Protein backbone atom coordinates (compact mmCIF):
# COMPACT_ATOMS: atom_id res chain seq x y z
CA MET A 1 0.01 0.00 0.01
CA SER A 2 1.40 3.42 -0.95
CA ALA A 3 1.90 6.17 1.63
CA PRO A 4 -1.08 8.60 1.83
CA THR A 5 -0.82 12.28 0.96
CA VAL A 6 -1.78 13.42 4.42
CA SER A 7 -1.50 11.96 7.89
CA ILE A 8 -3.88 13.50 10.29
CA VAL A 9 -2.77 13.28 14.00
CA MET A 10 -5.56 13.65 16.50
CA PRO A 11 -4.62 13.57 20.23
CA ALA A 12 -7.62 12.67 22.41
CA TRP A 13 -8.30 12.43 26.10
CA LYS A 14 -11.74 11.88 27.57
CA ALA A 15 -13.26 12.68 24.22
CA GLU A 16 -15.83 9.84 24.04
CA ALA A 17 -18.78 12.30 24.02
CA PHE A 18 -17.63 14.39 21.05
CA ILE A 19 -14.85 12.73 18.99
CA ALA A 20 -17.31 11.38 16.44
CA HIS A 21 -17.77 14.91 15.12
CA ALA A 22 -14.04 15.34 14.45
CA VAL A 23 -13.69 11.84 12.83
CA GLU A 24 -16.86 12.42 10.65
CA SER A 25 -15.23 15.75 9.41
CA VAL A 26 -12.19 13.73 8.16
CA LEU A 27 -14.32 11.16 6.47
CA ALA A 28 -16.05 13.92 4.58
CA GLN A 29 -12.84 15.38 3.02
CA THR A 30 -12.78 15.88 -0.61
CA LEU A 31 -9.18 14.74 -0.56
CA THR A 32 -9.48 11.02 0.16
CA ASP A 33 -5.90 9.99 0.26
CA TRP A 34 -5.36 10.28 3.96
CA GLU A 35 -4.73 8.36 7.19
CA LEU A 36 -6.17 9.39 10.53
CA ILE A 37 -4.14 8.49 13.61
CA VAL A 38 -6.11 9.00 16.75
CA VAL A 39 -3.79 9.00 19.79
CA ASP A 40 -5.70 7.94 22.88
CA ASP A 41 -3.87 9.61 25.69
CA CYS A 42 -4.80 6.94 28.27
CA SER A 43 -8.41 8.17 28.47
CA PRO A 44 -10.46 6.74 31.39
CA ASP A 45 -13.53 6.57 29.04
CA ALA A 46 -14.18 4.78 25.71
CA THR A 47 -12.50 7.44 23.55
CA GLY A 48 -10.76 5.02 21.27
CA ALA A 49 -13.87 2.90 20.78
CA ALA A 50 -15.95 6.04 19.99
CA ALA A 51 -13.46 7.03 17.31
CA LEU A 52 -13.54 3.68 15.68
CA ALA A 53 -17.26 3.48 15.87
CA ALA A 54 -17.51 6.84 14.06
CA ALA A 55 -15.09 5.55 11.42
CA LYS A 56 -17.58 2.71 10.51
CA GLY A 57 -14.86 0.30 9.64
CA ASP A 58 -12.84 2.70 7.46
CA PRO A 59 -9.38 1.20 7.42
CA ARG A 60 -7.85 4.65 7.06
CA VAL A 61 -8.66 5.34 10.71
CA ARG A 62 -6.65 3.70 13.46
CA VAL A 63 -6.21 4.30 17.16
CA VAL A 64 -2.84 4.28 19.03
CA ARG A 65 -3.00 4.16 22.73
CA ALA A 66 -0.30 6.08 24.66
CA PRO A 67 1.41 4.04 27.36
CA GLU A 68 0.57 6.73 29.89
CA ASN A 69 -1.19 10.06 30.02
CA GLY A 70 1.43 12.57 28.81
CA GLY A 71 -0.37 15.58 27.42
CA VAL A 72 -0.91 17.04 23.96
CA ALA A 73 2.75 17.43 23.01
CA ARG A 74 3.69 13.84 23.79
CA ALA A 75 0.53 12.60 22.07
CA ARG A 76 1.34 14.56 18.89
CA ASN A 77 4.93 13.19 18.89
CA LEU A 78 3.60 9.65 19.21
CA GLY A 79 1.17 10.23 16.40
CA MET A 80 3.93 11.58 14.15
CA GLN A 81 6.03 8.55 14.78
CA HIS A 82 3.15 6.51 13.28
CA ALA A 83 2.59 8.85 10.37
CA THR A 84 3.57 7.81 6.89
CA GLY A 85 2.00 10.68 4.77
CA THR A 86 3.75 13.36 2.68
CA TRP A 87 2.06 15.91 4.87
CA ILE A 88 1.13 15.87 8.61
CA ALA A 89 -2.02 17.70 9.64
CA VAL A 90 -3.18 18.15 13.25
CA LEU A 91 -6.81 18.01 14.41
CA ASP A 92 -8.04 18.32 18.00
CA SER A 93 -10.66 15.91 19.05
CA ASP A 94 -13.27 18.57 19.78
CA ASP A 95 -12.58 20.44 16.51
CA ALA A 96 -13.48 19.69 12.83
CA TYR A 97 -12.37 20.35 9.21
CA GLU A 98 -14.35 22.01 6.42
CA PRO A 99 -14.82 19.37 3.65
CA THR A 100 -12.34 20.95 1.24
CA ARG A 101 -9.65 21.82 3.81
CA LEU A 102 -7.00 19.09 3.07
CA GLU A 103 -7.49 19.37 -0.71
CA ALA A 104 -7.15 23.20 -0.67
CA LEU A 105 -4.14 23.38 1.63
CA VAL A 106 -2.15 20.64 0.06
CA ALA A 107 -2.60 22.19 -3.42
CA VAL A 108 -1.38 25.55 -2.23
CA ALA A 109 1.54 24.13 -0.20
CA GLU A 110 2.80 22.10 -3.09
CA ARG A 111 2.38 24.91 -5.57
CA GLU A 112 4.21 27.39 -3.39
CA LYS A 113 6.88 24.85 -2.27
CA LEU A 114 6.01 25.51 1.45
CA ASP A 115 7.08 23.41 4.41
CA ILE A 116 4.28 24.70 6.63
CA LEU A 117 0.89 26.08 5.71
CA THR A 118 -1.95 27.15 8.05
CA ASP A 119 -5.33 28.65 7.50
CA ASP A 120 -7.72 30.90 9.38
CA MET A 121 -10.28 29.22 11.71
CA ILE A 122 -14.02 29.40 12.08
CA LEU A 123 -14.82 29.86 15.77
CA VAL A 124 -17.88 27.77 16.78
CA PRO A 125 -19.35 27.32 20.24
CA PHE A 126 -18.50 23.92 21.63
CA ASP A 127 -22.15 23.11 22.54
CA THR A 128 -23.43 23.88 18.98
CA MET A 129 -20.54 22.62 16.83
CA TYR A 130 -22.54 22.46 13.63
CA THR A 131 -23.27 26.29 13.62
CA ASP A 132 -21.01 28.84 12.03
CA GLY A 133 -19.21 31.58 13.82
CA PRO A 134 -16.74 34.37 12.97
CA ALA A 135 -13.36 33.93 11.55
CA TYR A 136 -10.44 33.98 14.10
CA LEU A 137 -8.01 36.23 12.10
CA GLY A 138 -10.88 37.99 10.26
CA ALA A 139 -11.14 39.40 6.83
CA GLY A 140 -7.88 40.65 5.42
CA SER A 141 -5.74 40.20 2.32
CA ALA A 142 -6.82 37.45 0.00
CA ALA A 143 -3.14 36.65 -0.63
CA LEU A 144 -0.99 34.22 1.29
CA ILE A 145 0.83 35.80 4.22
CA PRO A 146 4.50 34.66 4.36
CA VAL A 147 5.79 34.29 7.95
CA ASP A 148 9.42 34.01 9.10
CA LEU A 149 10.66 33.43 12.64
CA PRO A 150 10.64 37.11 13.81
CA ALA A 151 7.14 37.52 12.41
CA TRP A 152 5.94 34.36 14.01
CA LEU A 153 7.29 35.39 17.43
CA ARG A 154 5.69 38.81 17.08
CA ALA A 155 2.40 37.16 16.24
CA ASN A 156 2.59 35.16 19.56
CA HIS A 157 3.61 38.03 21.78
CA VAL A 158 1.87 38.55 25.22
CA ASP A 159 1.58 42.21 24.42
CA SER A 160 -0.22 41.60 21.16
CA ASN A 161 -3.82 42.75 20.89
CA ALA A 162 -4.26 40.86 17.62
CA PRO A 163 -5.16 37.11 17.41
CA LEU A 164 -2.22 34.90 18.17
CA TYR A 165 -0.98 32.65 15.39
CA GLY A 166 -0.10 29.89 17.88
CA TYR A 167 -3.72 28.81 17.98
CA LEU A 168 -3.76 28.02 14.27
CA LYS A 169 -3.52 24.42 13.09
CA PRO A 170 -0.94 24.02 10.34
CA ILE A 171 -0.13 21.19 7.93
CA PHE A 172 3.60 20.20 7.87
CA ARG A 173 5.79 18.58 5.28
CA ARG A 174 6.82 15.37 7.03
CA ALA A 175 10.18 15.07 5.19
CA PHE A 176 11.21 18.46 6.69
CA ILE A 177 10.26 17.30 10.18
CA ALA A 178 12.17 14.10 9.68
CA ALA A 179 15.25 15.75 8.22
CA HIS A 180 15.67 17.88 11.37
CA LYS A 181 14.43 15.31 13.81
CA ALA A 182 12.03 17.95 15.08
CA GLU A 183 9.31 17.19 17.67
CA TYR A 184 7.08 18.99 20.11
CA ILE A 185 8.69 19.93 23.46
CA ALA A 186 7.35 16.82 25.43
CA ASP A 187 7.08 18.44 28.80
CA LEU A 188 5.54 21.74 27.59
CA ARG A 189 1.85 22.12 28.61
CA VAL A 190 1.31 25.55 27.14
CA ALA A 191 2.21 27.07 23.73
CA GLU A 192 3.23 23.62 22.36
CA ASP A 193 2.22 24.58 18.82
CA CYS A 194 4.02 27.92 18.99
CA TRP A 195 7.33 26.51 19.92
CA PHE A 196 7.15 23.49 17.53
CA VAL A 197 6.54 25.89 14.59
CA ALA A 198 9.36 28.19 15.94
CA ASP A 199 11.74 25.30 15.82
CA LEU A 200 10.86 24.49 12.22
CA LEU A 201 11.27 28.17 11.18
CA ALA A 202 14.62 28.33 12.83
CA TYR A 203 15.66 25.27 10.80
CA GLY A 204 14.67 27.17 7.69
CA ALA A 205 11.04 26.10 6.99
CA ARG A 206 8.97 28.15 4.62
CA LEU A 207 5.59 29.09 6.24
CA ALA A 208 2.61 30.94 4.99
CA VAL A 209 -0.88 31.75 6.31
CA HIS A 210 -3.86 30.99 4.02
CA PRO A 211 -6.60 33.59 4.59
CA GLN A 212 -9.41 31.26 4.02
CA PRO A 213 -11.04 29.72 7.27
CA LEU A 214 -11.15 25.98 6.73
CA TYR A 215 -10.52 24.69 10.37
CA ARG A 216 -13.52 24.67 12.76
CA TYR A 217 -12.24 25.50 16.33
CA ALA A 218 -14.73 24.64 19.03
CA VAL A 219 -14.54 27.42 21.65
CA ARG A 220 -15.36 26.18 25.20
CA PRO A 221 -16.36 28.78 27.94
CA ALA A 222 -12.89 28.37 29.57
CA SER A 223 -11.20 29.28 26.26
CA LEU A 224 -12.78 32.73 26.32
CA SER A 225 -11.12 33.82 29.55
CA ARG A 226 -8.63 31.72 31.41
CA THR A 227 -9.47 31.22 35.08
CA ARG A 228 -6.57 32.14 37.31
CA SER A 229 -5.25 29.61 39.78
CA THR A 230 -2.13 29.44 41.89
CA GLN A 231 -0.15 28.23 38.92
CA ASN A 232 1.58 30.90 36.84
CA VAL A 233 1.12 29.77 33.22
CA TYR A 234 3.79 32.09 31.97
CA SER A 235 6.36 30.34 34.25
CA LEU A 236 5.70 27.18 32.21
CA GLN A 237 7.52 28.69 29.13
CA ARG A 238 10.53 29.99 30.98
CA PRO A 239 12.63 26.82 30.37
CA VAL A 240 12.11 27.10 26.61
CA TYR A 241 14.45 29.91 25.61
CA ASP A 242 17.91 28.65 26.52
CA PRO A 243 17.55 25.18 24.97
CA PHE A 244 15.97 26.82 21.81
CA ILE A 245 19.05 29.13 21.50
CA ALA A 246 21.36 26.12 22.07
CA ARG A 247 19.59 23.98 19.41
CA HIS A 248 19.89 26.76 16.84
CA ARG A 249 23.18 28.30 17.78
CA GLY A 250 24.93 29.64 14.62
CA ARG A 251 21.59 29.50 12.77
CA LEU A 252 19.70 32.48 14.18
CA SER A 253 20.07 35.79 12.35
CA PRO A 254 20.40 39.04 14.32
CA ALA A 255 16.67 39.63 13.52
CA ASP A 256 15.76 36.20 14.92
CA GLN A 257 17.75 36.96 18.12
CA ARG A 258 16.19 40.33 18.71
CA ALA A 259 12.71 38.89 18.24
CA LEU A 260 13.50 36.03 20.63
CA ARG A 261 14.85 38.40 23.27
CA ALA A 262 11.74 40.64 22.92
CA HIS A 263 9.44 37.69 23.25
CA GLU A 264 11.24 36.41 26.37
CA THR A 265 11.29 39.94 27.99
CA ALA A 266 7.54 40.44 27.46
CA LEU A 267 6.81 36.89 28.82
CA ARG A 268 8.80 37.55 31.97
CA ASP A 269 6.99 40.87 32.47
CA ALA A 270 3.68 38.95 32.08
CA GLU A 271 4.91 36.30 34.59
CA ALA A 272 5.70 39.07 37.16
CA TYR A 273 2.31 40.60 36.70
CA GLU A 274 0.63 37.20 37.02
CA ASP A 275 2.63 36.61 40.28
CA PHE A 276 1.30 40.01 41.43
CA ILE A 277 -2.27 38.93 40.75
CA ILE A 278 -1.84 35.41 42.39
CA LYS A 279 -0.31 36.85 45.51
CA ALA A 280 -2.75 39.57 45.78
CA ARG A 281 -5.66 37.11 45.55
CA GLN A 282 -3.95 35.21 48.36
CA LYS A 283 -3.74 38.46 50.38
CA LYS A 284 0.04 38.35 50.35
CA PHE A 285 0.23 42.04 49.55
CA SER A 286 3.89 42.63 50.38
CA ALA A 287 4.95 39.79 48.11
CA ALA A 288 2.47 41.08 45.42
CA LEU A 289 4.13 44.40 45.37
CA GLY A 290 7.59 42.84 45.39
CA ALA A 291 6.64 40.94 42.19
CA LEU A 292 5.88 44.23 40.43
CA ALA A 293 8.92 46.03 41.92
CA ALA A 294 11.21 43.21 40.56
CA ARG A 295 10.06 44.06 36.96
CA PRO A 296 8.52 47.55 36.94
CA GLN A 297 7.78 47.17 33.21
CA SER A 298 5.12 44.57 34.17
CA ALA A 299 2.91 47.29 35.66
CA ARG A 300 1.70 48.07 32.16
CA PHE A 301 -0.55 45.00 32.36
CA LEU A 302 -2.53 46.71 35.18
CA SER A 303 -4.66 48.31 32.55
CA ARG A 304 -6.03 44.98 31.33
CA PRO A 305 -8.50 44.37 34.13
CA VAL A 306 -9.89 47.84 33.59
CA ALA A 307 -10.40 47.14 29.88
CA ALA A 308 -12.17 43.86 30.82
CA ARG A 309 -14.51 45.76 33.20
CA LEU A 310 -15.26 48.37 30.62
CA LYS A 311 -16.14 45.65 28.07
CA ARG A 312 -18.48 43.90 30.59
CA LEU A 313 -20.16 47.25 31.21
CA ALA A 314 -20.51 47.89 27.53
CA GLN A 315 -22.17 44.49 27.10
CA LYS A 316 -24.88 45.59 29.57
CA PHE A 317 -25.81 48.29 27.08
CA GLY A 318 -25.99 45.92 24.20
CA TYR A 319 -22.46 45.75 22.82
CA LYS A 320 -21.61 42.20 21.89
CA PRO A 321 -17.91 41.63 21.16
CA ALA A 322 -16.84 39.01 18.70
CA LEU A 323 -16.10 35.57 19.93
CA ARG A 324 -12.35 35.27 20.52
CA VAL A 325 -9.86 32.63 21.57
CA GLY A 326 -7.23 33.26 24.16
């Protein structure tokens, strides 16, 4: 049997109730030369069985069970190890594809000789997955948007008011990944996609953003505004920078290095601000002020809660903001 054009990697955990929708969207693709690898991340429910039931015996769909629950990054790495296609596409178990997605993206990526191509997303409420919502990036140029490493880092910046590119779901040329032995950072639990793509760009990958929304992203209530806890999510990315620089030493241009430093500086400012919020909620006011004093630049984030309160007030008067991720 010849290798398929596209290998779709779908990490899944506790997805029994909704994974059928994702699988069915793959079965409906106009490009039929694909394989779907569902990685059951040690789900306590019947996620794997539900995926196979939705496949209705289609041999292109198979389930790989992870040896232990390891999170999205490890599950994607495991799925890529089993992939045989020319292209690797990712699909989350609560999302879906538009029917022409794979056909359209593969055609453009091959024509433009790209290594990575991503599209815009349609944002749909999780509880009504079959309805349409707004586009994530929104209407813009009809042309492809080329993206290099500095542009990618700027588009995933904590100071950005624009939609973050890290939420997008690209297709990847498998030969490029294999040539550089690239993989997701296994222990990273936030921004896994952002840093996987950043690695590939540092290796010289050619990336573009397709303006057409062909990926259906299910927005859960928790996706609209992250609930704060005692864990600082920005701290989780701190270990990324030094190994990234070490991996790509001698390969990063001055522009790459400046963008990386700016990204890290902004993240550390956001980390200090988050420490301030966490400690203030714990009524550790001295420690909270100390967090801001350690990085005075982080005080600029103090305006964000004010903006959120103004938006809630505006909603009371009938203003309805567009659905957003992040």
